[in-house]
Protein backbone atom coordinates (compact mmCIF):
# COMPACT_ATOMS: atom_id res chain seq x y z
CA MET A 1 15.69 32.21 0.47
CA ASN A 2 13.54 32.97 -2.58
CA ASP A 3 9.87 31.99 -3.00
CA GLU A 4 10.58 28.80 -4.96
CA GLN A 5 13.08 27.58 -2.37
CA LYS A 6 10.57 28.35 0.39
CA LYS A 7 7.86 26.37 -1.36
CA ASP A 8 10.33 23.55 -2.00
CA ARG A 9 11.20 23.50 1.69
CA ASP A 10 7.54 23.53 2.75
CA ILE A 11 6.52 20.55 0.63
CA HIS A 12 9.59 18.56 1.62
CA GLN A 13 8.77 19.36 5.24
CA ARG A 14 5.29 17.92 4.81
CA LYS A 15 6.69 14.91 2.96
CA SER A 16 9.04 14.21 5.85
CA GLU A 17 6.21 14.68 8.36
CA PHE A 18 4.11 12.09 6.53
CA SER A 19 6.25 9.00 6.12
CA ARG A 20 5.25 5.52 5.05
CA ARG A 21 7.22 4.30 8.03
CA SER A 22 5.33 6.50 10.50
CA SER A 23 1.59 6.09 9.90
CA LEU A 24 -1.07 6.10 7.22
CA ARG A 25 -2.97 8.39 9.51
CA GLU A 26 -1.16 11.69 9.20
CA THR A 27 -0.74 12.92 12.77
CA ALA A 28 1.62 15.85 12.23
CA SER A 29 0.06 19.16 13.26
CA HIS A 30 -0.62 21.60 10.45
CA GLY A 31 -0.17 25.28 11.14
CA LYS A 32 0.17 26.58 14.67
CA LYS A 33 -1.52 25.03 17.69
CA THR A 34 -3.28 28.32 18.31
CA PHE A 35 -4.20 28.72 14.62
CA PRO A 36 -4.46 25.33 12.85
CA PHE A 37 -4.37 26.50 9.24
CA VAL A 38 -1.66 25.97 6.64
CA VAL A 39 -1.12 26.08 2.86
CA TYR A 40 1.35 23.77 1.12
CA HIS A 41 2.53 23.98 -2.46
CA GLY A 42 3.31 20.68 -4.19
CA ARG A 43 4.71 19.58 -7.53
CA ILE A 44 4.63 16.00 -8.80
CA PRO A 45 7.03 14.54 -9.85
CA GLU A 46 9.43 17.50 -9.55
CA TRP A 47 9.37 17.73 -5.76
CA LEU A 48 7.89 14.39 -4.75
CA ASP A 49 6.65 11.18 -6.34
CA GLY A 50 3.15 11.64 -4.94
CA PHE A 51 1.15 11.34 -1.73
CA PRO A 52 -0.08 7.74 -1.29
CA LEU A 53 -3.29 6.77 0.47
CA HIS A 54 -3.60 8.37 3.92
CA TRP A 55 -6.02 10.31 6.11
CA HIS A 56 -5.93 13.05 8.74
CA ASP A 57 -8.23 14.99 11.06
CA GLU A 58 -8.08 18.28 9.14
CA PHE A 59 -10.37 19.43 6.34
CA GLU A 60 -8.34 19.70 3.13
CA ILE A 61 -8.88 21.66 -0.06
CA ILE A 62 -6.74 20.84 -3.10
CA PHE A 63 -6.46 23.45 -5.84
CA VAL A 64 -4.71 22.45 -9.07
CA SER A 65 -2.65 25.36 -10.40
CA TYR A 66 -0.98 23.57 -13.33
CA GLY A 67 -1.06 20.31 -15.28
CA THR A 68 -3.01 17.15 -14.51
CA GLY A 69 -2.91 14.53 -11.79
CA ILE A 70 -4.94 11.75 -10.19
CA VAL A 71 -6.67 12.41 -6.86
CA THR A 72 -8.54 9.62 -5.11
CA VAL A 73 -11.02 10.25 -2.29
CA GLN A 74 -12.94 7.48 -0.52
CA GLY A 75 -12.45 5.09 -3.43
CA SER A 76 -13.43 7.60 -6.13
CA ARG A 77 -10.71 8.39 -8.65
CA PHE A 78 -10.59 11.81 -10.32
CA LEU A 79 -8.52 13.17 -13.19
CA CYS A 80 -7.83 16.71 -11.98
CA CYS A 81 -6.81 19.51 -14.32
CA GLU A 82 -5.70 23.13 -13.94
CA GLY A 83 -8.31 25.15 -12.05
CA ASP A 84 -10.05 22.13 -10.49
CA ILE A 85 -10.83 21.99 -6.77
CA VAL A 86 -11.09 18.85 -4.60
CA LEU A 87 -12.78 18.93 -1.17
CA ILE A 88 -11.58 16.33 1.34
CA PRO A 89 -13.44 16.13 4.68
CA PRO A 90 -11.69 15.02 7.89
CA GLY A 91 -10.92 11.31 8.03
CA ALA A 92 -11.42 10.68 4.30
CA VAL A 93 -8.86 8.31 2.76
CA HIS A 94 -7.20 10.06 -0.18
CA SER A 95 -4.09 10.27 -2.34
CA ILE A 96 -2.47 12.49 -4.97
CA LEU A 97 -0.63 10.72 -7.78
CA GLN A 98 1.03 11.45 -11.10
CA ASN A 99 -1.07 11.01 -14.24
CA GLY A 100 1.18 9.06 -16.60
CA ASP A 101 4.10 11.30 -17.50
CA ASP A 102 2.21 14.54 -16.82
CA CYS A 103 3.27 17.03 -14.17
CA ILE A 104 0.93 18.60 -11.64
CA ALA A 105 1.33 21.66 -9.43
CA TYR A 106 -1.20 22.20 -6.68
CA TYR A 107 -1.94 23.87 -3.36
CA ASN A 108 -3.13 22.04 -0.23
CA ILE A 109 -5.16 24.10 2.22
CA LEU A 110 -5.53 22.29 5.56
CA PHE A 111 -7.42 23.53 8.58
CA SER A 112 -8.95 22.12 11.72
CA ILE A 113 -12.70 22.47 12.27
CA SER A 114 -11.81 23.74 15.76
CA LEU A 115 -10.40 26.88 14.14
CA LEU A 116 -13.95 27.87 13.18
CA GLU A 117 -15.81 26.72 16.27
CA GLU A 118 -14.19 25.76 19.56
CA ASN A 119 -17.43 25.20 21.49
CA PRO A 120 -18.92 21.82 20.49
CA ASP A 121 -22.26 22.75 22.08
CA SER A 122 -22.77 25.95 20.11
CA PHE A 123 -25.50 26.20 17.47
CA CYS A 124 -23.03 26.49 14.56
CA SER A 125 -20.99 23.54 15.78
CA ARG A 126 -24.01 21.26 16.15
CA ARG A 127 -25.75 22.48 12.98
CA PHE A 128 -22.84 22.75 10.56
CA PHE A 129 -19.60 21.23 11.85
CA SER A 130 -20.40 18.22 14.03
CA ALA A 131 -21.22 16.10 10.98
CA PHE A 132 -17.62 16.44 9.76
CA LEU A 133 -16.27 15.47 13.16
CA ASP A 134 -18.49 12.38 12.99
CA GLY A 135 -17.07 11.37 9.63
CA ALA A 136 -19.64 12.83 7.25
CA HIS A 137 -18.99 12.63 3.53
CA LEU A 138 -19.84 14.85 0.57
CA LYS A 139 -22.10 14.35 -2.43
CA SER A 140 -19.20 15.34 -4.65
CA TYR A 141 -15.50 15.77 -3.92
CA HIS A 142 -14.22 16.93 -7.33
CA HIS A 143 -15.39 20.27 -8.70
CA LYS A 144 -14.12 21.00 -12.18
CA LYS A 145 -13.12 24.42 -13.41
CA GLY A 146 -16.24 26.17 -14.70
CA SER A 147 -18.67 24.21 -12.53
CA THR A 148 -21.13 26.14 -10.36
CA LEU A 149 -19.46 25.45 -7.01
CA ASN A 150 -15.95 25.88 -8.41
CA ASP A 151 -16.84 29.33 -9.73
CA VAL A 152 -17.74 30.58 -6.25
CA LEU A 153 -15.01 28.69 -4.38
CA PHE A 154 -12.15 29.67 -6.71
CA PRO A 155 -11.73 33.34 -5.61
CA LEU A 156 -11.91 32.32 -1.93
CA VAL A 157 -9.35 29.53 -2.34
CA LYS A 158 -7.05 31.80 -4.32
CA GLU A 159 -7.30 34.47 -1.64
CA LEU A 160 -6.49 31.97 1.12
CA CYS A 161 -3.32 30.95 -0.72
CA GLY A 162 -2.30 34.60 -0.84
CA LEU A 163 -3.19 35.26 2.81
CA TRP A 164 -0.92 32.42 3.88
CA GLU A 165 2.07 34.46 2.70
CA LYS A 166 1.13 37.34 5.01
CA ASP A 167 1.79 37.78 8.71
CA LEU A 168 -0.82 36.00 10.81
CA SER A 169 -1.44 39.11 12.90
CA GLU A 170 -2.68 40.82 9.74
CA SER A 171 -4.48 37.95 8.02
CA ALA A 172 -5.99 35.75 10.77
CA LEU A 173 -9.47 37.25 10.73
CA LEU A 174 -9.63 37.28 6.94
CA VAL A 175 -8.54 33.62 6.83
CA LYS A 176 -11.34 32.65 9.22
CA ALA A 177 -13.84 34.77 7.31
CA ARG A 178 -12.99 33.07 4.01
CA LEU A 179 -13.12 29.61 5.61
CA PHE A 180 -16.55 30.39 7.01
CA GLU A 181 -17.68 31.43 3.52
CA ILE A 182 -16.34 28.20 2.07
CA MET A 183 -18.07 26.06 4.70
CA HIS A 184 -21.30 27.97 4.05
CA LEU A 185 -21.04 27.29 0.32
CA ILE A 186 -20.38 23.56 0.69
CA ASN A 187 -23.00 23.03 3.38
CA GLY A 188 -25.43 21.71 0.77
CA GLU A 189 -22.86 19.10 -0.30
CA VAL A 190 -22.87 17.28 3.04
CA LEU A 191 -24.62 13.92 2.94
CA SER A 192 -27.25 13.13 5.56
CA ALA A 193 -26.41 10.70 8.37
CA ASP A 194 -28.21 7.86 6.57
CA GLU A 195 -26.52 8.66 3.25
CA SER A 196 -23.12 8.83 4.95
CA ALA A 197 -23.54 5.48 6.71
CA SER A 198 -22.49 3.30 3.79
CA SER A 199 -19.57 5.61 2.97
CA LYS A 200 -18.44 5.45 6.60
CA ASN A 201 -18.58 1.65 6.56
CA ARG A 202 -16.53 1.48 3.37
CA ALA A 203 -14.00 3.94 4.79
CA LYS A 204 -13.75 1.95 8.02
CA ARG A 205 -13.12 -1.26 6.08
CA LEU A 206 -10.50 0.35 3.86
CA LYS A 207 -8.67 1.89 6.82
CA LYS A 208 -8.63 -1.52 8.50
CA ILE A 209 -6.94 -3.09 5.47
CA LEU A 210 -4.46 -0.24 5.00
CA SER A 211 -3.53 -0.41 8.69
CA TYR A 212 -3.08 -4.17 8.40
CA VAL A 213 -0.63 -3.69 5.53
CA GLU A 214 1.18 -1.01 7.53
CA GLU A 215 1.65 -3.40 10.44
CA HIS A 216 2.58 -6.52 8.44
CA PHE A 217 4.23 -5.29 5.22
CA SER A 218 7.62 -6.73 6.23
CA SER A 219 6.09 -10.21 6.48
CA ARG A 220 4.32 -12.39 3.98
CA ILE A 221 0.83 -10.99 3.16
CA THR A 222 -1.72 -12.81 1.01
CA VAL A 223 -4.97 -11.70 -0.55
CA GLU A 224 -6.70 -14.37 1.53
CA ASP A 225 -5.31 -12.84 4.75
CA ALA A 226 -6.69 -9.42 3.87
CA ALA A 227 -10.02 -10.77 2.63
CA SER A 228 -10.58 -12.66 5.89
CA LEU A 229 -10.34 -9.38 7.83
CA CYS A 230 -13.36 -8.11 5.90
CA ALA A 231 -15.23 -11.44 5.97
CA LEU A 232 -15.17 -11.47 2.17
CA SER A 233 -14.14 -14.02 -0.42
CA ALA A 234 -10.77 -13.36 -2.06
CA SER A 235 -12.35 -12.57 -5.43
CA ARG A 236 -14.91 -10.13 -4.00
CA PHE A 237 -12.26 -8.48 -1.83
CA MET A 238 -9.99 -7.92 -4.84
CA ARG A 239 -12.82 -6.30 -6.82
CA ILE A 240 -13.77 -4.01 -3.94
CA PHE A 241 -10.18 -3.03 -3.17
CA ARG A 242 -9.45 -2.12 -6.77
CA LYS A 243 -12.68 -0.10 -6.98
CA GLU A 244 -11.87 1.85 -3.81
CA THR A 245 -8.16 2.46 -4.44
CA GLY A 246 -7.69 2.30 -8.20
CA MET A 247 -5.12 -0.49 -7.91
CA SER A 248 -4.93 -4.18 -7.08
CA PHE A 249 -4.18 -5.30 -3.53
CA VAL A 250 -0.89 -6.89 -4.62
CA GLN A 251 0.09 -3.66 -6.39
CA TYR A 252 -0.73 -1.64 -3.26
CA VAL A 253 1.34 -3.91 -0.99
CA ASN A 254 4.30 -3.81 -3.37
CA ASP A 255 4.03 -0.03 -3.69
CA TYR A 256 3.92 0.34 0.09
CA ARG A 257 7.01 -1.83 0.45
CA LEU A 258 8.84 0.08 -2.28
CA GLU A 259 8.08 3.44 -0.62
CA SER A 260 9.38 2.08 2.67
CA ALA A 261 12.48 0.63 1.01
CA GLY A 262 13.15 3.94 -0.75
CA GLU A 263 13.07 5.79 2.57
CA GLN A 264 15.30 3.18 4.20
CA LEU A 265 17.87 3.46 1.40
CA LEU A 266 18.28 7.14 2.29
CA SER A 267 18.12 6.82 6.07
CA SER A 268 20.36 3.78 6.63
CA SER A 269 23.56 2.20 5.36
CA GLY A 270 22.01 -1.23 4.94
CA THR A 271 22.68 -3.22 1.79
CA VAL A 272 20.11 -3.32 -0.99
CA THR A 273 19.57 -7.03 -0.31
CA ASP A 274 19.00 -6.52 3.42
CA ILE A 275 16.61 -3.63 2.80
CA ALA A 276 14.64 -5.69 0.27
CA PHE A 277 14.21 -8.56 2.74
CA GLU A 278 13.36 -6.21 5.63
CA ASN A 279 10.54 -4.76 3.53
CA GLY A 280 8.90 -8.05 2.67
CA PHE A 281 10.52 -8.89 -0.68
CA GLU A 282 11.64 -12.51 -0.87
CA ASN A 283 13.29 -12.23 -4.29
CA ILE A 284 16.01 -9.60 -4.80
CA SER A 285 15.70 -9.62 -8.61
CA TYR A 286 11.95 -9.03 -8.37
CA PHE A 287 12.56 -6.20 -5.90
CA ILE A 288 15.07 -4.46 -8.18
CA HIS A 289 12.74 -4.86 -11.17
CA LEU A 290 9.79 -3.29 -9.34
CA PHE A 291 11.97 -0.58 -7.80
CA GLN A 292 13.36 0.51 -11.16
CA ARG A 293 9.88 0.54 -12.69
CA LYS A 294 8.58 2.79 -9.90
CA PHE A 295 11.53 5.15 -9.35
CA GLY A 296 13.19 5.03 -12.77
CA CYS A 297 16.54 3.71 -11.56
CA PRO A 298 18.03 0.80 -9.56
CA PRO A 299 18.10 1.06 -5.73
CA SER A 300 21.84 1.80 -5.53
CA GLU A 301 21.57 4.66 -8.02
CA TYR A 302 18.46 5.99 -6.25
CA ARG A 303 20.41 6.15 -2.99
CA LYS A 304 23.33 7.93 -4.63
CA ARG A 305 21.18 10.47 -6.53
CA ASN A 306 19.00 11.45 -3.59
CA LYS A 307 21.82 11.72 -1.09
CA LEU A 308 23.57 14.13 -3.46
CA ARG A 309 20.31 16.06 -3.84
CA ARG A 310 19.85 16.21 -0.07
CA ASN A 311 23.39 17.46 0.46
CA ASP A 312 22.87 20.12 -2.20
CA SER A 313 19.61 21.19 -0.53
CA ILE A 314 21.30 21.47 2.86
CA SER A 315 24.17 23.53 1.42
CA ARG A 316 21.65 26.02 -0.01
């Protein structure tokens, strides 16, 4: 298996581990239990359509190696270009999406804070890491190529991507050393407890809504239903949701349903009509229209194309 096939396999493995039909909170373990560190290589739209809104317990660093794409973190939307770095603390709601017709290639570095400090009572843990475990946020998530922090992070991030290709018995200490350097460099970016409070409240509210959609997407969902969960008026809720996700609530629900329907088309033999109804669409024509706009082809053709692609991948 050559390098490109290995990278293709790795990103498809992560895509299968994080499924719309499993959980918005990504619970799959990254790396080994004894060494929770991993690097993924992704390409949108070549390998996957994108990573929709989700969160996980690991710290994540995204490094854009080619092209442009849209990364959202805690309601902030960033146009990321080649050389840019995005820092995503544990628990932060985020996504990676295609920017128009552009392509984007990137690396995800994920690691657990426990890799750096296993003793929660130690000085380093209490002084530097406990804030992240308590849901702390950063002053800035997106660091453009050429910015002060990017300039010092870039060689460390690049080295970590290279170390991932080596045997762990040779690279483990270097990986931890570089991660410690990175955490040292971003220490000044951590918001204080008071500054993080409002961000935490917004994140908690957003996760509540996303989880509600996850649980009820196959049934009828209205803006009023979602707004009532936040004790907000429908109009204020719609403004806040768009600001924090970059899309309308109706668009998000439809996109969630379409992702779920796309997975079901490949994992079951159900009819297109049945799958549409099972995923909350009450009008089959509307479903096909939205599906074709999102995936570029009708549901039946999508099923045929991707099953052929899967079979070809397995035969390799």
